[in-house]
Amino acid sequence: MAATRITAVRHGETAWNVDTRIQGQLDIGLNERGLWQAERVGAALAEETIDCVYSSDLTRAHTTAQAIARHAHNPHARAVRLHRGLRERGFGSFEGQTWADIAEKWPEESRRWRQRDPHFAPPGGETPLQLRERVALTLNEIAQQHLGEHIVLVAHGGVMDMLYRLATQQELHAARTWELGNAAINRLLWTPDALTLVGWADTRHLDDSALDESTT
């Protein structure tokens, strides 16, 4: 059966990652280290045959995707395709707040968030169930257009988390034991019948571990 090879990459680091401040769907750009990470992941993928690069339309992901596209040998992969379905989870009233702010201002909501309650959404935000459905629909929509090809998806920590859970059939409330590092290379194989994990959290192209924003 024909399959789509997927390389999934979380965006490079931002100042808000460093500050443990929730970005959600706010449009925050990369910091200096994040720009460096974007170039490093682009160079790491440069020798691979890439047929298409997709990205969240948020700047931190788009900038990372552009660095990957610039290194691509295939001219068709040099124009990044933006897709809102690859956006980070909407965190509503949590956006712009640090983890400590959330724990202090909304202790009960903070507890449900940290316990990964599948039905919990901050006011104006998305539940994990809604995020998983969005990611699955977006993945299927994109991947079925590229059977037999290799595509890159550049998105966010919450999207990476859902891709891992979909591929491994992890429950939404299960504690996360896998990494979601900035600019890490993650590999999956998609067919109309299944999503399979091939490799995860490859950071050999980076000189040290990236900060991991908490996106339950």
N, C-alpha and C. Protein backbone atom coordinates (compact mmCIF):
# COMPACT_ATOMS: atom_id res chain seq x y z
N MET A 1 0.85 -1.20 0.00
CA MET A 1 0.00 0.00 0.00
C MET A 1 0.89 1.25 0.00
N ALA A 2 0.54 2.24 -0.81
CA ALA A 2 1.30 3.49 -0.85
C ALA A 2 1.20 4.21 0.48
N ALA A 3 2.28 4.87 0.87
CA ALA A 3 2.33 5.57 2.14
C ALA A 3 2.93 6.95 1.95
N THR A 4 2.67 7.83 2.91
CA THR A 4 3.26 9.16 2.93
C THR A 4 4.26 9.22 4.07
N ARG A 5 5.51 9.54 3.73
CA ARG A 5 6.54 9.73 4.76
C ARG A 5 6.41 11.14 5.31
N ILE A 6 6.39 11.25 6.63
CA ILE A 6 6.19 12.54 7.28
C ILE A 6 7.36 12.84 8.21
N THR A 7 7.96 14.00 8.03
CA THR A 7 8.90 14.53 9.01
C THR A 7 8.20 15.69 9.70
N ALA A 8 7.98 15.55 10.99
CA ALA A 8 7.27 16.58 11.77
C ALA A 8 8.28 17.31 12.64
N VAL A 9 8.22 18.64 12.60
CA VAL A 9 9.20 19.47 13.30
C VAL A 9 8.47 20.53 14.12
N ARG A 10 8.81 20.61 15.39
CA ARG A 10 8.30 21.72 16.19
C ARG A 10 9.13 22.96 15.89
N HIS A 11 8.51 24.12 15.96
CA HIS A 11 9.20 25.39 15.68
C HIS A 11 10.39 25.59 16.61
N GLY A 12 11.28 26.49 16.22
CA GLY A 12 12.41 26.85 17.06
C GLY A 12 11.97 27.60 18.32
N GLU A 13 12.93 27.81 19.17
CA GLU A 13 12.66 28.42 20.49
C GLU A 13 12.20 29.87 20.37
N THR A 14 11.33 30.27 21.31
CA THR A 14 10.89 31.66 21.43
C THR A 14 11.22 32.16 22.84
N ALA A 15 11.17 33.47 23.01
CA ALA A 15 11.39 34.05 24.34
C ALA A 15 10.34 33.56 25.33
N TRP A 16 9.13 33.30 24.83
CA TRP A 16 8.07 32.84 25.72
C TRP A 16 8.29 31.39 26.15
N ASN A 17 8.94 30.58 25.31
CA ASN A 17 9.33 29.24 25.75
C ASN A 17 10.25 29.36 26.96
N VAL A 18 11.22 30.25 26.87
CA VAL A 18 12.19 30.42 27.94
C VAL A 18 11.50 30.89 29.22
N ASP A 19 10.51 31.76 29.09
CA ASP A 19 9.80 32.32 30.24
C ASP A 19 8.69 31.42 30.76
N THR A 20 8.51 30.24 30.15
CA THR A 20 7.37 29.34 30.46
C THR A 20 6.05 30.10 30.40
N ARG A 21 5.90 30.87 29.33
CA ARG A 21 4.68 31.64 29.10
C ARG A 21 3.90 30.97 27.97
N ILE A 22 2.60 30.77 28.20
CA ILE A 22 1.77 30.05 27.24
C ILE A 22 1.52 30.91 26.00
N GLN A 23 1.89 30.39 24.85
CA GLN A 23 1.72 31.12 23.59
C GLN A 23 0.38 30.80 22.94
N GLY A 24 0.02 29.51 22.93
CA GLY A 24 -1.22 29.13 22.27
C GLY A 24 -1.23 29.62 20.84
N GLN A 25 -2.25 30.36 20.47
CA GLN A 25 -2.38 30.85 19.11
C GLN A 25 -1.97 32.32 18.97
N LEU A 26 -1.32 32.87 19.99
CA LEU A 26 -0.73 34.19 19.85
C LEU A 26 0.48 34.09 18.93
N ASP A 27 0.73 35.13 18.15
CA ASP A 27 1.74 35.06 17.10
C ASP A 27 3.08 35.57 17.60
N ILE A 28 3.84 34.69 18.22
CA ILE A 28 5.13 35.03 18.81
C ILE A 28 6.25 34.56 17.89
N GLY A 29 7.24 35.41 17.66
CA GLY A 29 8.34 35.06 16.77
C GLY A 29 9.46 34.30 17.48
N LEU A 30 10.40 33.81 16.71
CA LEU A 30 11.54 33.09 17.26
C LEU A 30 12.53 34.05 17.92
N ASN A 31 13.21 33.57 18.97
CA ASN A 31 14.31 34.35 19.52
C ASN A 31 15.59 34.00 18.75
N GLU A 32 16.72 34.54 19.19
CA GLU A 32 17.97 34.33 18.45
C GLU A 32 18.32 32.83 18.38
N ARG A 33 18.17 32.15 19.50
CA ARG A 33 18.47 30.72 19.50
C ARG A 33 17.50 29.96 18.59
N GLY A 34 16.25 30.38 18.58
CA GLY A 34 15.26 29.74 17.72
C GLY A 34 15.58 29.88 16.25
N LEU A 35 16.08 31.06 15.86
CA LEU A 35 16.49 31.26 14.47
C LEU A 35 17.67 30.34 14.12
N TRP A 36 18.59 30.19 15.07
CA TRP A 36 19.72 29.28 14.86
C TRP A 36 19.24 27.84 14.73
N GLN A 37 18.30 27.44 15.59
CA GLN A 37 17.75 26.09 15.52
C GLN A 37 17.07 25.84 14.18
N ALA A 38 16.34 26.84 13.70
CA ALA A 38 15.66 26.69 12.42
C ALA A 38 16.65 26.43 11.29
N GLU A 39 17.75 27.16 11.30
CA GLU A 39 18.78 26.95 10.28
C GLU A 39 19.42 25.58 10.42
N ARG A 40 19.62 25.14 11.66
CA ARG A 40 20.24 23.84 11.89
C ARG A 40 19.35 22.70 11.41
N VAL A 41 18.06 22.80 11.67
CA VAL A 41 17.18 21.71 11.22
C VAL A 41 17.05 21.75 9.71
N GLY A 42 17.06 22.94 9.13
CA GLY A 42 17.05 23.05 7.67
C GLY A 42 18.26 22.38 7.05
N ALA A 43 19.44 22.64 7.61
CA ALA A 43 20.66 22.03 7.10
C ALA A 43 20.65 20.52 7.30
N ALA A 44 20.07 20.05 8.42
CA ALA A 44 20.03 18.62 8.71
C ALA A 44 19.17 17.86 7.71
N LEU A 45 18.14 18.54 7.19
CA LEU A 45 17.23 17.88 6.24
C LEU A 45 17.60 18.16 4.79
N ALA A 46 18.66 18.92 4.58
CA ALA A 46 18.99 19.39 3.23
C ALA A 46 19.27 18.27 2.24
N GLU A 47 19.85 17.18 2.70
CA GLU A 47 20.22 16.10 1.79
C GLU A 47 19.07 15.13 1.53
N GLU A 48 17.94 15.33 2.17
CA GLU A 48 16.80 14.44 1.97
C GLU A 48 15.92 14.95 0.83
N THR A 49 15.26 14.03 0.16
CA THR A 49 14.31 14.41 -0.88
C THR A 49 12.99 14.78 -0.22
N ILE A 50 12.64 16.05 -0.30
CA ILE A 50 11.41 16.55 0.31
C ILE A 50 10.50 17.03 -0.82
N ASP A 51 9.27 16.56 -0.82
CA ASP A 51 8.35 16.92 -1.90
C ASP A 51 7.52 18.16 -1.58
N CYS A 52 7.27 18.41 -0.29
CA CYS A 52 6.44 19.56 0.07
C CYS A 52 6.66 19.90 1.54
N VAL A 53 6.59 21.19 1.86
CA VAL A 53 6.71 21.66 3.24
C VAL A 53 5.43 22.38 3.62
N TYR A 54 4.81 21.91 4.68
CA TYR A 54 3.61 22.54 5.23
C TYR A 54 3.95 23.16 6.58
N SER A 55 3.22 24.23 6.94
CA SER A 55 3.47 24.89 8.21
C SER A 55 2.20 25.47 8.79
N SER A 56 2.16 25.54 10.10
CA SER A 56 1.19 26.41 10.77
C SER A 56 1.38 27.82 10.24
N ASP A 57 0.31 28.60 10.29
CA ASP A 57 0.42 29.98 9.80
C ASP A 57 0.95 30.94 10.86
N LEU A 58 1.29 30.44 12.05
CA LEU A 58 1.87 31.30 13.07
C LEU A 58 3.36 31.50 12.79
N THR A 59 3.85 32.71 13.06
CA THR A 59 5.18 33.12 12.63
C THR A 59 6.29 32.19 13.09
N ARG A 60 6.21 31.72 14.34
CA ARG A 60 7.31 30.90 14.86
C ARG A 60 7.46 29.60 14.08
N ALA A 61 6.35 29.04 13.62
CA ALA A 61 6.40 27.84 12.80
C ALA A 61 6.77 28.17 11.36
N HIS A 62 6.18 29.22 10.82
CA HIS A 62 6.42 29.60 9.42
C HIS A 62 7.90 29.94 9.20
N THR A 63 8.50 30.66 10.14
CA THR A 63 9.92 31.01 10.00
C THR A 63 10.78 29.75 10.00
N THR A 64 10.44 28.81 10.86
CA THR A 64 11.18 27.53 10.91
C THR A 64 11.01 26.78 9.60
N ALA A 65 9.79 26.76 9.09
CA ALA A 65 9.52 26.06 7.83
C ALA A 65 10.25 26.70 6.66
N GLN A 66 10.33 28.02 6.66
CA GLN A 66 11.04 28.71 5.58
C GLN A 66 12.52 28.33 5.57
N ALA A 67 13.11 28.15 6.74
CA ALA A 67 14.52 27.74 6.80
C ALA A 67 14.69 26.35 6.21
N ILE A 68 13.75 25.45 6.48
CA ILE A 68 13.80 24.11 5.91
C ILE A 68 13.64 24.18 4.39
N ALA A 69 12.68 24.98 3.95
CA ALA A 69 12.41 25.09 2.51
C ALA A 69 13.60 25.68 1.75
N ARG A 70 14.29 26.63 2.37
CA ARG A 70 15.45 27.25 1.69
C ARG A 70 16.54 26.23 1.40
N HIS A 71 16.67 25.21 2.25
CA HIS A 71 17.71 24.20 2.08
C HIS A 71 17.29 23.07 1.14
N ALA A 72 16.02 23.03 0.78
CA ALA A 72 15.51 21.91 -0.01
C ALA A 72 16.05 21.97 -1.44
N HIS A 73 16.43 20.80 -1.97
CA HIS A 73 16.92 20.73 -3.35
C HIS A 73 15.76 20.73 -4.35
N ASN A 74 14.62 20.20 -3.94
CA ASN A 74 13.45 20.12 -4.81
C ASN A 74 12.78 21.49 -4.89
N PRO A 75 12.70 22.11 -6.06
CA PRO A 75 12.09 23.44 -6.18
C PRO A 75 10.65 23.47 -5.68
N HIS A 76 9.93 22.35 -5.82
CA HIS A 76 8.54 22.31 -5.37
C HIS A 76 8.41 22.42 -3.86
N ALA A 77 9.48 22.14 -3.14
CA ALA A 77 9.44 22.19 -1.67
C ALA A 77 9.84 23.55 -1.13
N ARG A 78 10.19 24.47 -2.00
CA ARG A 78 10.70 25.76 -1.52
C ARG A 78 9.61 26.77 -1.22
N ALA A 79 8.40 26.49 -1.64
CA ALA A 79 7.26 27.36 -1.32
C ALA A 79 6.46 26.71 -0.19
N VAL A 80 6.55 27.28 1.00
CA VAL A 80 5.87 26.71 2.17
C VAL A 80 4.37 26.90 2.04
N ARG A 81 3.62 25.82 2.30
CA ARG A 81 2.16 25.87 2.28
C ARG A 81 1.65 26.04 3.71
N LEU A 82 0.92 27.09 3.97
CA LEU A 82 0.40 27.37 5.30
C LEU A 82 -0.94 26.67 5.52
N HIS A 83 -1.14 26.16 6.73
CA HIS A 83 -2.39 25.47 7.06
C HIS A 83 -2.76 25.78 8.51
N ARG A 84 -3.91 26.40 8.70
CA ARG A 84 -4.36 26.78 10.05
C ARG A 84 -4.61 25.56 10.93
N GLY A 85 -4.84 24.43 10.32
CA GLY A 85 -5.07 23.22 11.10
C GLY A 85 -3.86 22.75 11.86
N LEU A 86 -2.68 23.30 11.53
CA LEU A 86 -1.43 22.95 12.22
C LEU A 86 -1.11 23.92 13.35
N ARG A 87 -2.02 24.82 13.65
CA ARG A 87 -1.80 25.77 14.75
C ARG A 87 -1.72 25.06 16.10
N GLU A 88 -1.08 25.76 17.05
CA GLU A 88 -1.03 25.28 18.42
C GLU A 88 -2.44 25.20 19.00
N ARG A 89 -2.58 24.43 20.05
CA ARG A 89 -3.86 24.38 20.78
C ARG A 89 -4.24 25.79 21.21
N GLY A 90 -5.51 26.12 21.07
CA GLY A 90 -6.01 27.38 21.58
C GLY A 90 -6.12 27.31 23.10
N PHE A 91 -5.40 28.20 23.79
CA PHE A 91 -5.42 28.19 25.25
C PHE A 91 -6.26 29.30 25.85
N GLY A 92 -6.98 30.04 25.02
CA GLY A 92 -7.92 31.03 25.54
C GLY A 92 -7.31 31.96 26.57
N SER A 93 -7.93 32.04 27.75
CA SER A 93 -7.50 32.97 28.80
C SER A 93 -6.12 32.64 29.37
N PHE A 94 -5.60 31.44 29.12
CA PHE A 94 -4.25 31.08 29.58
C PHE A 94 -3.16 31.74 28.74
N GLU A 95 -3.50 32.16 27.53
CA GLU A 95 -2.48 32.68 26.62
C GLU A 95 -1.88 33.98 27.16
N GLY A 96 -0.56 34.04 27.14
CA GLY A 96 0.15 35.20 27.69
C GLY A 96 0.50 35.05 29.16
N GLN A 97 0.00 34.00 29.81
CA GLN A 97 0.26 33.76 31.23
C GLN A 97 1.40 32.76 31.41
N THR A 98 2.17 32.93 32.48
CA THR A 98 3.18 31.93 32.81
C THR A 98 2.51 30.79 33.56
N TRP A 99 3.23 29.67 33.66
CA TRP A 99 2.70 28.53 34.42
C TRP A 99 2.37 28.97 35.85
N ALA A 100 3.26 29.78 36.45
CA ALA A 100 3.04 30.24 37.83
C ALA A 100 1.82 31.14 37.92
N ASP A 101 1.63 32.00 36.91
CA ASP A 101 0.43 32.87 36.88
C ASP A 101 -0.84 32.03 36.89
N ILE A 102 -0.86 31.00 36.07
CA ILE A 102 -2.05 30.16 35.94
C ILE A 102 -2.35 29.46 37.25
N ALA A 103 -1.31 28.91 37.88
CA ALA A 103 -1.51 28.20 39.15
C ALA A 103 -2.04 29.14 40.23
N GLU A 104 -1.60 30.41 40.21
CA GLU A 104 -2.03 31.36 41.22
C GLU A 104 -3.43 31.90 40.96
N LYS A 105 -3.72 32.22 39.70
CA LYS A 105 -5.00 32.87 39.37
C LYS A 105 -6.15 31.87 39.26
N TRP A 106 -5.86 30.69 38.73
CA TRP A 106 -6.92 29.72 38.48
C TRP A 106 -6.48 28.32 38.97
N PRO A 107 -6.42 28.12 40.27
CA PRO A 107 -5.87 26.85 40.79
C PRO A 107 -6.64 25.62 40.33
N GLU A 108 -7.96 25.67 40.25
CA GLU A 108 -8.73 24.51 39.83
C GLU A 108 -8.53 24.24 38.34
N GLU A 109 -8.56 25.30 37.54
CA GLU A 109 -8.32 25.14 36.11
C GLU A 109 -6.89 24.64 35.87
N SER A 110 -5.94 25.15 36.64
CA SER A 110 -4.56 24.70 36.51
C SER A 110 -4.44 23.21 36.82
N ARG A 111 -5.15 22.75 37.83
CA ARG A 111 -5.12 21.32 38.19
C ARG A 111 -5.65 20.47 37.05
N ARG A 112 -6.79 20.86 36.47
CA ARG A 112 -7.37 20.07 35.39
C ARG A 112 -6.47 20.08 34.15
N TRP A 113 -5.85 21.19 33.89
CA TRP A 113 -4.91 21.29 32.76
C TRP A 113 -3.72 20.36 32.96
N ARG A 114 -3.12 20.43 34.14
CA ARG A 114 -1.93 19.62 34.41
C ARG A 114 -2.25 18.13 34.50
N GLN A 115 -3.47 17.80 34.85
CA GLN A 115 -3.88 16.39 34.89
C GLN A 115 -4.34 15.89 33.53
N ARG A 116 -4.28 16.74 32.55
CA ARG A 116 -4.63 16.39 31.17
C ARG A 116 -6.07 15.90 31.05
N ASP A 117 -6.96 16.65 31.67
CA ASP A 117 -8.38 16.34 31.56
C ASP A 117 -8.79 16.51 30.10
N PRO A 118 -9.22 15.43 29.43
CA PRO A 118 -9.54 15.52 28.00
C PRO A 118 -10.66 16.50 27.67
N HIS A 119 -11.49 16.81 28.67
CA HIS A 119 -12.66 17.66 28.43
C HIS A 119 -12.45 19.10 28.89
N PHE A 120 -11.25 19.40 29.39
CA PHE A 120 -11.02 20.75 29.92
C PHE A 120 -10.48 21.69 28.86
N ALA A 121 -11.08 22.87 28.82
CA ALA A 121 -10.56 23.96 27.98
C ALA A 121 -10.56 25.24 28.80
N PRO A 122 -9.48 26.01 28.79
CA PRO A 122 -9.53 27.34 29.39
C PRO A 122 -10.61 28.15 28.67
N PRO A 123 -11.23 29.11 29.32
CA PRO A 123 -12.24 29.92 28.64
C PRO A 123 -11.73 30.46 27.30
N GLY A 124 -12.47 30.14 26.24
CA GLY A 124 -12.08 30.58 24.90
C GLY A 124 -11.08 29.67 24.22
N GLY A 125 -10.70 28.55 24.87
CA GLY A 125 -9.69 27.67 24.31
C GLY A 125 -10.25 26.34 23.81
N GLU A 126 -9.36 25.41 23.51
CA GLU A 126 -9.72 24.09 23.01
C GLU A 126 -9.48 23.02 24.07
N THR A 127 -10.28 21.97 24.04
CA THR A 127 -10.01 20.80 24.86
C THR A 127 -8.98 19.91 24.14
N PRO A 128 -8.31 19.01 24.88
CA PRO A 128 -7.45 18.05 24.21
C PRO A 128 -8.20 17.21 23.18
N LEU A 129 -9.45 16.87 23.46
CA LEU A 129 -10.25 16.12 22.49
C LEU A 129 -10.43 16.90 21.19
N GLN A 130 -10.70 18.18 21.31
CA GLN A 130 -10.88 19.01 20.11
C GLN A 130 -9.57 19.15 19.35
N LEU A 131 -8.47 19.30 20.09
CA LEU A 131 -7.18 19.41 19.43
C LEU A 131 -6.83 18.12 18.69
N ARG A 132 -7.04 16.98 19.34
CA ARG A 132 -6.73 15.71 18.68
C ARG A 132 -7.55 15.54 17.41
N GLU A 133 -8.82 15.89 17.45
CA GLU A 133 -9.66 15.77 16.26
C GLU A 133 -9.16 16.68 15.15
N ARG A 134 -8.79 17.91 15.51
CA ARG A 134 -8.29 18.86 14.50
C ARG A 134 -6.99 18.36 13.87
N VAL A 135 -6.08 17.87 14.70
CA VAL A 135 -4.80 17.39 14.19
C VAL A 135 -5.01 16.17 13.29
N ALA A 136 -5.87 15.25 13.71
CA ALA A 136 -6.11 14.05 12.91
C ALA A 136 -6.73 14.40 11.56
N LEU A 137 -7.70 15.31 11.56
CA LEU A 137 -8.33 15.72 10.30
C LEU A 137 -7.33 16.41 9.38
N THR A 138 -6.52 17.30 9.96
CA THR A 138 -5.52 18.02 9.16
C THR A 138 -4.49 17.06 8.58
N LEU A 139 -4.01 16.14 9.41
CA LEU A 139 -3.03 15.17 8.95
C LEU A 139 -3.58 14.34 7.80
N ASN A 140 -4.79 13.83 7.96
CA ASN A 140 -5.38 13.01 6.90
C ASN A 140 -5.59 13.80 5.62
N GLU A 141 -6.03 15.05 5.77
CA GLU A 141 -6.27 15.89 4.59
C GLU A 141 -4.98 16.12 3.81
N ILE A 142 -3.89 16.41 4.53
CA ILE A 142 -2.62 16.69 3.86
C ILE A 142 -1.98 15.41 3.33
N ALA A 143 -1.87 14.40 4.19
CA ALA A 143 -1.11 13.20 3.83
C ALA A 143 -1.70 12.45 2.64
N GLN A 144 -3.02 12.45 2.51
CA GLN A 144 -3.61 11.69 1.41
C GLN A 144 -3.32 12.32 0.05
N GLN A 145 -2.87 13.57 0.05
CA GLN A 145 -2.50 14.24 -1.19
C GLN A 145 -1.07 13.90 -1.63
N HIS A 146 -0.33 13.19 -0.77
CA HIS A 146 1.10 12.99 -1.04
C HIS A 146 1.52 11.54 -0.90
N LEU A 147 0.66 10.63 -1.28
CA LEU A 147 1.02 9.21 -1.21
C LEU A 147 2.26 8.94 -2.06
N GLY A 148 3.20 8.20 -1.48
CA GLY A 148 4.45 7.92 -2.18
C GLY A 148 5.48 9.01 -2.07
N GLU A 149 5.17 10.08 -1.31
CA GLU A 149 6.08 11.22 -1.20
C GLU A 149 6.54 11.42 0.23
N HIS A 150 7.49 12.35 0.38
CA HIS A 150 8.02 12.73 1.70
C HIS A 150 7.66 14.19 1.94
N ILE A 151 6.93 14.46 3.01
CA ILE A 151 6.53 15.83 3.32
C ILE A 151 7.03 16.22 4.71
N VAL A 152 7.17 17.52 4.90
CA VAL A 152 7.55 18.07 6.20
C VAL A 152 6.37 18.87 6.75
N LEU A 153 6.04 18.64 8.01
CA LEU A 153 5.02 19.41 8.71
C LEU A 153 5.70 20.17 9.84
N VAL A 154 5.59 21.50 9.84
CA VAL A 154 6.18 22.31 10.90
C VAL A 154 5.05 22.90 11.73
N ALA A 155 5.06 22.59 13.02
CA ALA A 155 3.95 23.01 13.86
C ALA A 155 4.43 23.30 15.28
N HIS A 156 3.68 22.85 16.27
CA HIS A 156 3.87 23.28 17.66
C HIS A 156 3.88 22.09 18.60
N GLY A 157 4.25 22.36 19.86
CA GLY A 157 4.35 21.30 20.84
C GLY A 157 3.07 20.50 21.01
N GLY A 158 1.94 21.19 21.07
CA GLY A 158 0.67 20.49 21.24
C GLY A 158 0.34 19.62 20.05
N VAL A 159 0.68 20.07 18.84
CA VAL A 159 0.44 19.28 17.63
C VAL A 159 1.36 18.07 17.62
N MET A 160 2.64 18.27 17.97
CA MET A 160 3.58 17.14 18.03
C MET A 160 3.09 16.09 19.03
N ASP A 161 2.60 16.56 20.17
CA ASP A 161 2.10 15.65 21.19
C ASP A 161 0.95 14.80 20.65
N MET A 162 0.04 15.43 19.92
CA MET A 162 -1.09 14.69 19.37
C MET A 162 -0.66 13.72 18.27
N LEU A 163 0.32 14.10 17.47
CA LEU A 163 0.83 13.17 16.45
C LEU A 163 1.40 11.93 17.12
N TYR A 164 2.15 12.13 18.19
CA TYR A 164 2.73 10.99 18.91
C TYR A 164 1.63 10.11 19.49
N ARG A 165 0.64 10.74 20.10
CA ARG A 165 -0.45 9.97 20.72
C ARG A 165 -1.27 9.23 19.65
N LEU A 166 -1.50 9.86 18.53
CA LEU A 166 -2.24 9.19 17.46
C LEU A 166 -1.47 7.99 16.92
N ALA A 167 -0.15 8.14 16.78
CA ALA A 167 0.66 7.07 16.22
C ALA A 167 0.84 5.90 17.18
N THR A 168 0.84 6.20 18.48
CA THR A 168 1.09 5.16 19.49
C THR A 168 -0.17 4.75 20.25
N GLN A 169 -1.30 5.41 19.91
CA GLN A 169 -2.58 5.13 20.56
C GLN A 169 -2.54 5.38 22.06
N GLN A 170 -1.77 6.38 22.44
CA GLN A 170 -1.73 6.80 23.85
C GLN A 170 -3.01 7.57 24.17
N GLU A 171 -3.55 7.32 25.36
CA GLU A 171 -4.73 8.06 25.81
C GLU A 171 -4.37 9.53 26.07
N LEU A 172 -5.35 10.40 25.94
CA LEU A 172 -5.10 11.82 26.13
C LEU A 172 -4.68 12.15 27.56
N HIS A 173 -5.17 11.39 28.52
CA HIS A 173 -4.83 11.67 29.91
C HIS A 173 -3.52 11.00 30.35
N ALA A 174 -2.92 10.19 29.48
CA ALA A 174 -1.69 9.50 29.84
C ALA A 174 -0.55 10.50 30.03
N ALA A 175 0.25 10.29 31.06
CA ALA A 175 1.39 11.16 31.31
C ALA A 175 2.34 11.11 30.13
N ARG A 176 2.87 12.27 29.76
CA ARG A 176 3.79 12.33 28.63
C ARG A 176 5.18 11.92 29.06
N THR A 177 5.73 10.91 28.40
CA THR A 177 7.09 10.45 28.67
C THR A 177 8.00 10.69 27.47
N TRP A 178 7.48 11.31 26.42
CA TRP A 178 8.25 11.60 25.21
C TRP A 178 8.55 13.09 25.15
N GLU A 179 9.62 13.45 24.48
CA GLU A 179 10.05 14.83 24.41
C GLU A 179 9.40 15.57 23.24
N LEU A 180 9.26 16.88 23.41
CA LEU A 180 8.70 17.74 22.37
C LEU A 180 9.63 18.92 22.13
N GLY A 181 10.90 18.64 21.95
CA GLY A 181 11.90 19.69 21.88
C GLY A 181 11.78 20.59 20.67
N ASN A 182 12.18 21.84 20.86
CA ASN A 182 12.20 22.79 19.74
C ASN A 182 13.13 22.30 18.64
N ALA A 183 12.64 22.30 17.41
CA ALA A 183 13.42 21.96 16.21
C ALA A 183 13.91 20.51 16.20
N ALA A 184 13.29 19.64 17.00
CA ALA A 184 13.61 18.22 16.94
C ALA A 184 12.98 17.62 15.68
N ILE A 185 13.59 16.56 15.17
CA ILE A 185 13.09 15.87 13.98
C ILE A 185 12.33 14.63 14.42
N ASN A 186 11.08 14.54 14.00
CA ASN A 186 10.21 13.41 14.34
C ASN A 186 9.71 12.79 13.04
N ARG A 187 9.68 11.46 12.98
CA ARG A 187 9.33 10.79 11.72
C ARG A 187 8.16 9.83 11.91
N LEU A 188 7.24 9.91 10.94
CA LEU A 188 6.05 9.06 10.96
C LEU A 188 5.77 8.55 9.55
N LEU A 189 4.96 7.51 9.48
CA LEU A 189 4.52 6.95 8.20
C LEU A 189 3.00 6.89 8.22
N TRP A 190 2.39 7.52 7.21
CA TRP A 190 0.92 7.57 7.14
C TRP A 190 0.42 6.73 5.97
N THR A 191 -0.59 5.91 6.24
CA THR A 191 -1.37 5.25 5.19
C THR A 191 -2.84 5.52 5.49
N PRO A 192 -3.73 5.26 4.54
CA PRO A 192 -5.15 5.48 4.82
C PRO A 192 -5.65 4.66 6.01
N ASP A 193 -4.91 3.63 6.39
CA ASP A 193 -5.36 2.76 7.48
C ASP A 193 -4.68 3.01 8.81
N ALA A 194 -3.53 3.66 8.81
CA ALA A 194 -2.79 3.78 10.07
C ALA A 194 -1.76 4.88 10.01
N LEU A 195 -1.38 5.36 11.22
CA LEU A 195 -0.26 6.27 11.39
C LEU A 195 0.75 5.55 12.26
N THR A 196 2.00 5.46 11.79
CA THR A 196 3.02 4.68 12.47
C THR A 196 4.19 5.56 12.87
N LEU A 197 4.69 5.37 14.08
CA LEU A 197 5.86 6.10 14.55
C LEU A 197 7.11 5.42 14.02
N VAL A 198 7.99 6.20 13.40
CA VAL A 198 9.24 5.68 12.84
C VAL A 198 10.43 6.11 13.70
N GLY A 199 10.45 7.35 14.12
CA GLY A 199 11.53 7.87 14.96
C GLY A 199 11.06 9.14 15.64
N TRP A 200 11.62 9.44 16.82
CA TRP A 200 11.11 10.59 17.57
C TRP A 200 12.24 11.34 18.27
N ALA A 201 12.10 12.65 18.29
CA ALA A 201 12.95 13.56 19.08
C ALA A 201 14.43 13.44 18.74
N ASP A 202 14.75 13.41 17.46
CA ASP A 202 16.14 13.40 17.01
C ASP A 202 16.67 14.83 17.08
N THR A 203 17.63 15.07 17.96
CA THR A 203 18.20 16.41 18.12
C THR A 203 19.71 16.40 17.88
N ARG A 204 20.20 15.44 17.13
CA ARG A 204 21.64 15.36 16.88
C ARG A 204 22.17 16.58 16.14
N HIS A 205 21.29 17.27 15.43
CA HIS A 205 21.70 18.46 14.69
C HIS A 205 21.81 19.69 15.59
N LEU A 206 21.41 19.57 16.84
CA LEU A 206 21.48 20.67 17.80
C LEU A 206 22.57 20.36 18.82
N ASP A 207 23.17 21.37 19.36
CA ASP A 207 24.31 21.12 20.25
C ASP A 207 23.92 20.84 21.68
N ASP A 208 22.68 21.17 22.08
CA ASP A 208 22.22 20.82 23.41
C ASP A 208 20.70 20.75 23.40
N SER A 209 20.13 20.33 24.52
CA SER A 209 18.68 20.13 24.60
C SER A 209 17.96 21.46 24.55
N ALA A 210 16.83 21.49 23.82
CA ALA A 210 16.00 22.69 23.74
C ALA A 210 14.99 22.71 24.87
N LEU A 211 14.51 23.91 25.22
CA LEU A 211 13.48 24.02 26.23
C LEU A 211 12.17 23.45 25.70
N ASP A 212 11.43 22.82 26.59
CA ASP A 212 10.20 22.14 26.22
C ASP A 212 9.02 22.86 26.82
N GLU A 213 8.32 23.66 26.03
CA GLU A 213 7.15 24.38 26.52
C GLU A 213 6.09 23.39 26.93
N SER A 214 5.44 23.64 28.05
CA SER A 214 4.40 22.73 28.51
C SER A 214 3.14 22.95 27.71
N THR A 215 2.77 21.95 26.89
CA THR A 215 1.51 21.98 26.17
C THR A 215 0.86 20.64 26.41
N THR A 216 0.03 20.58 27.42
CA THR A 216 -0.56 19.31 27.81
C THR A 216 -1.31 18.72 26.64
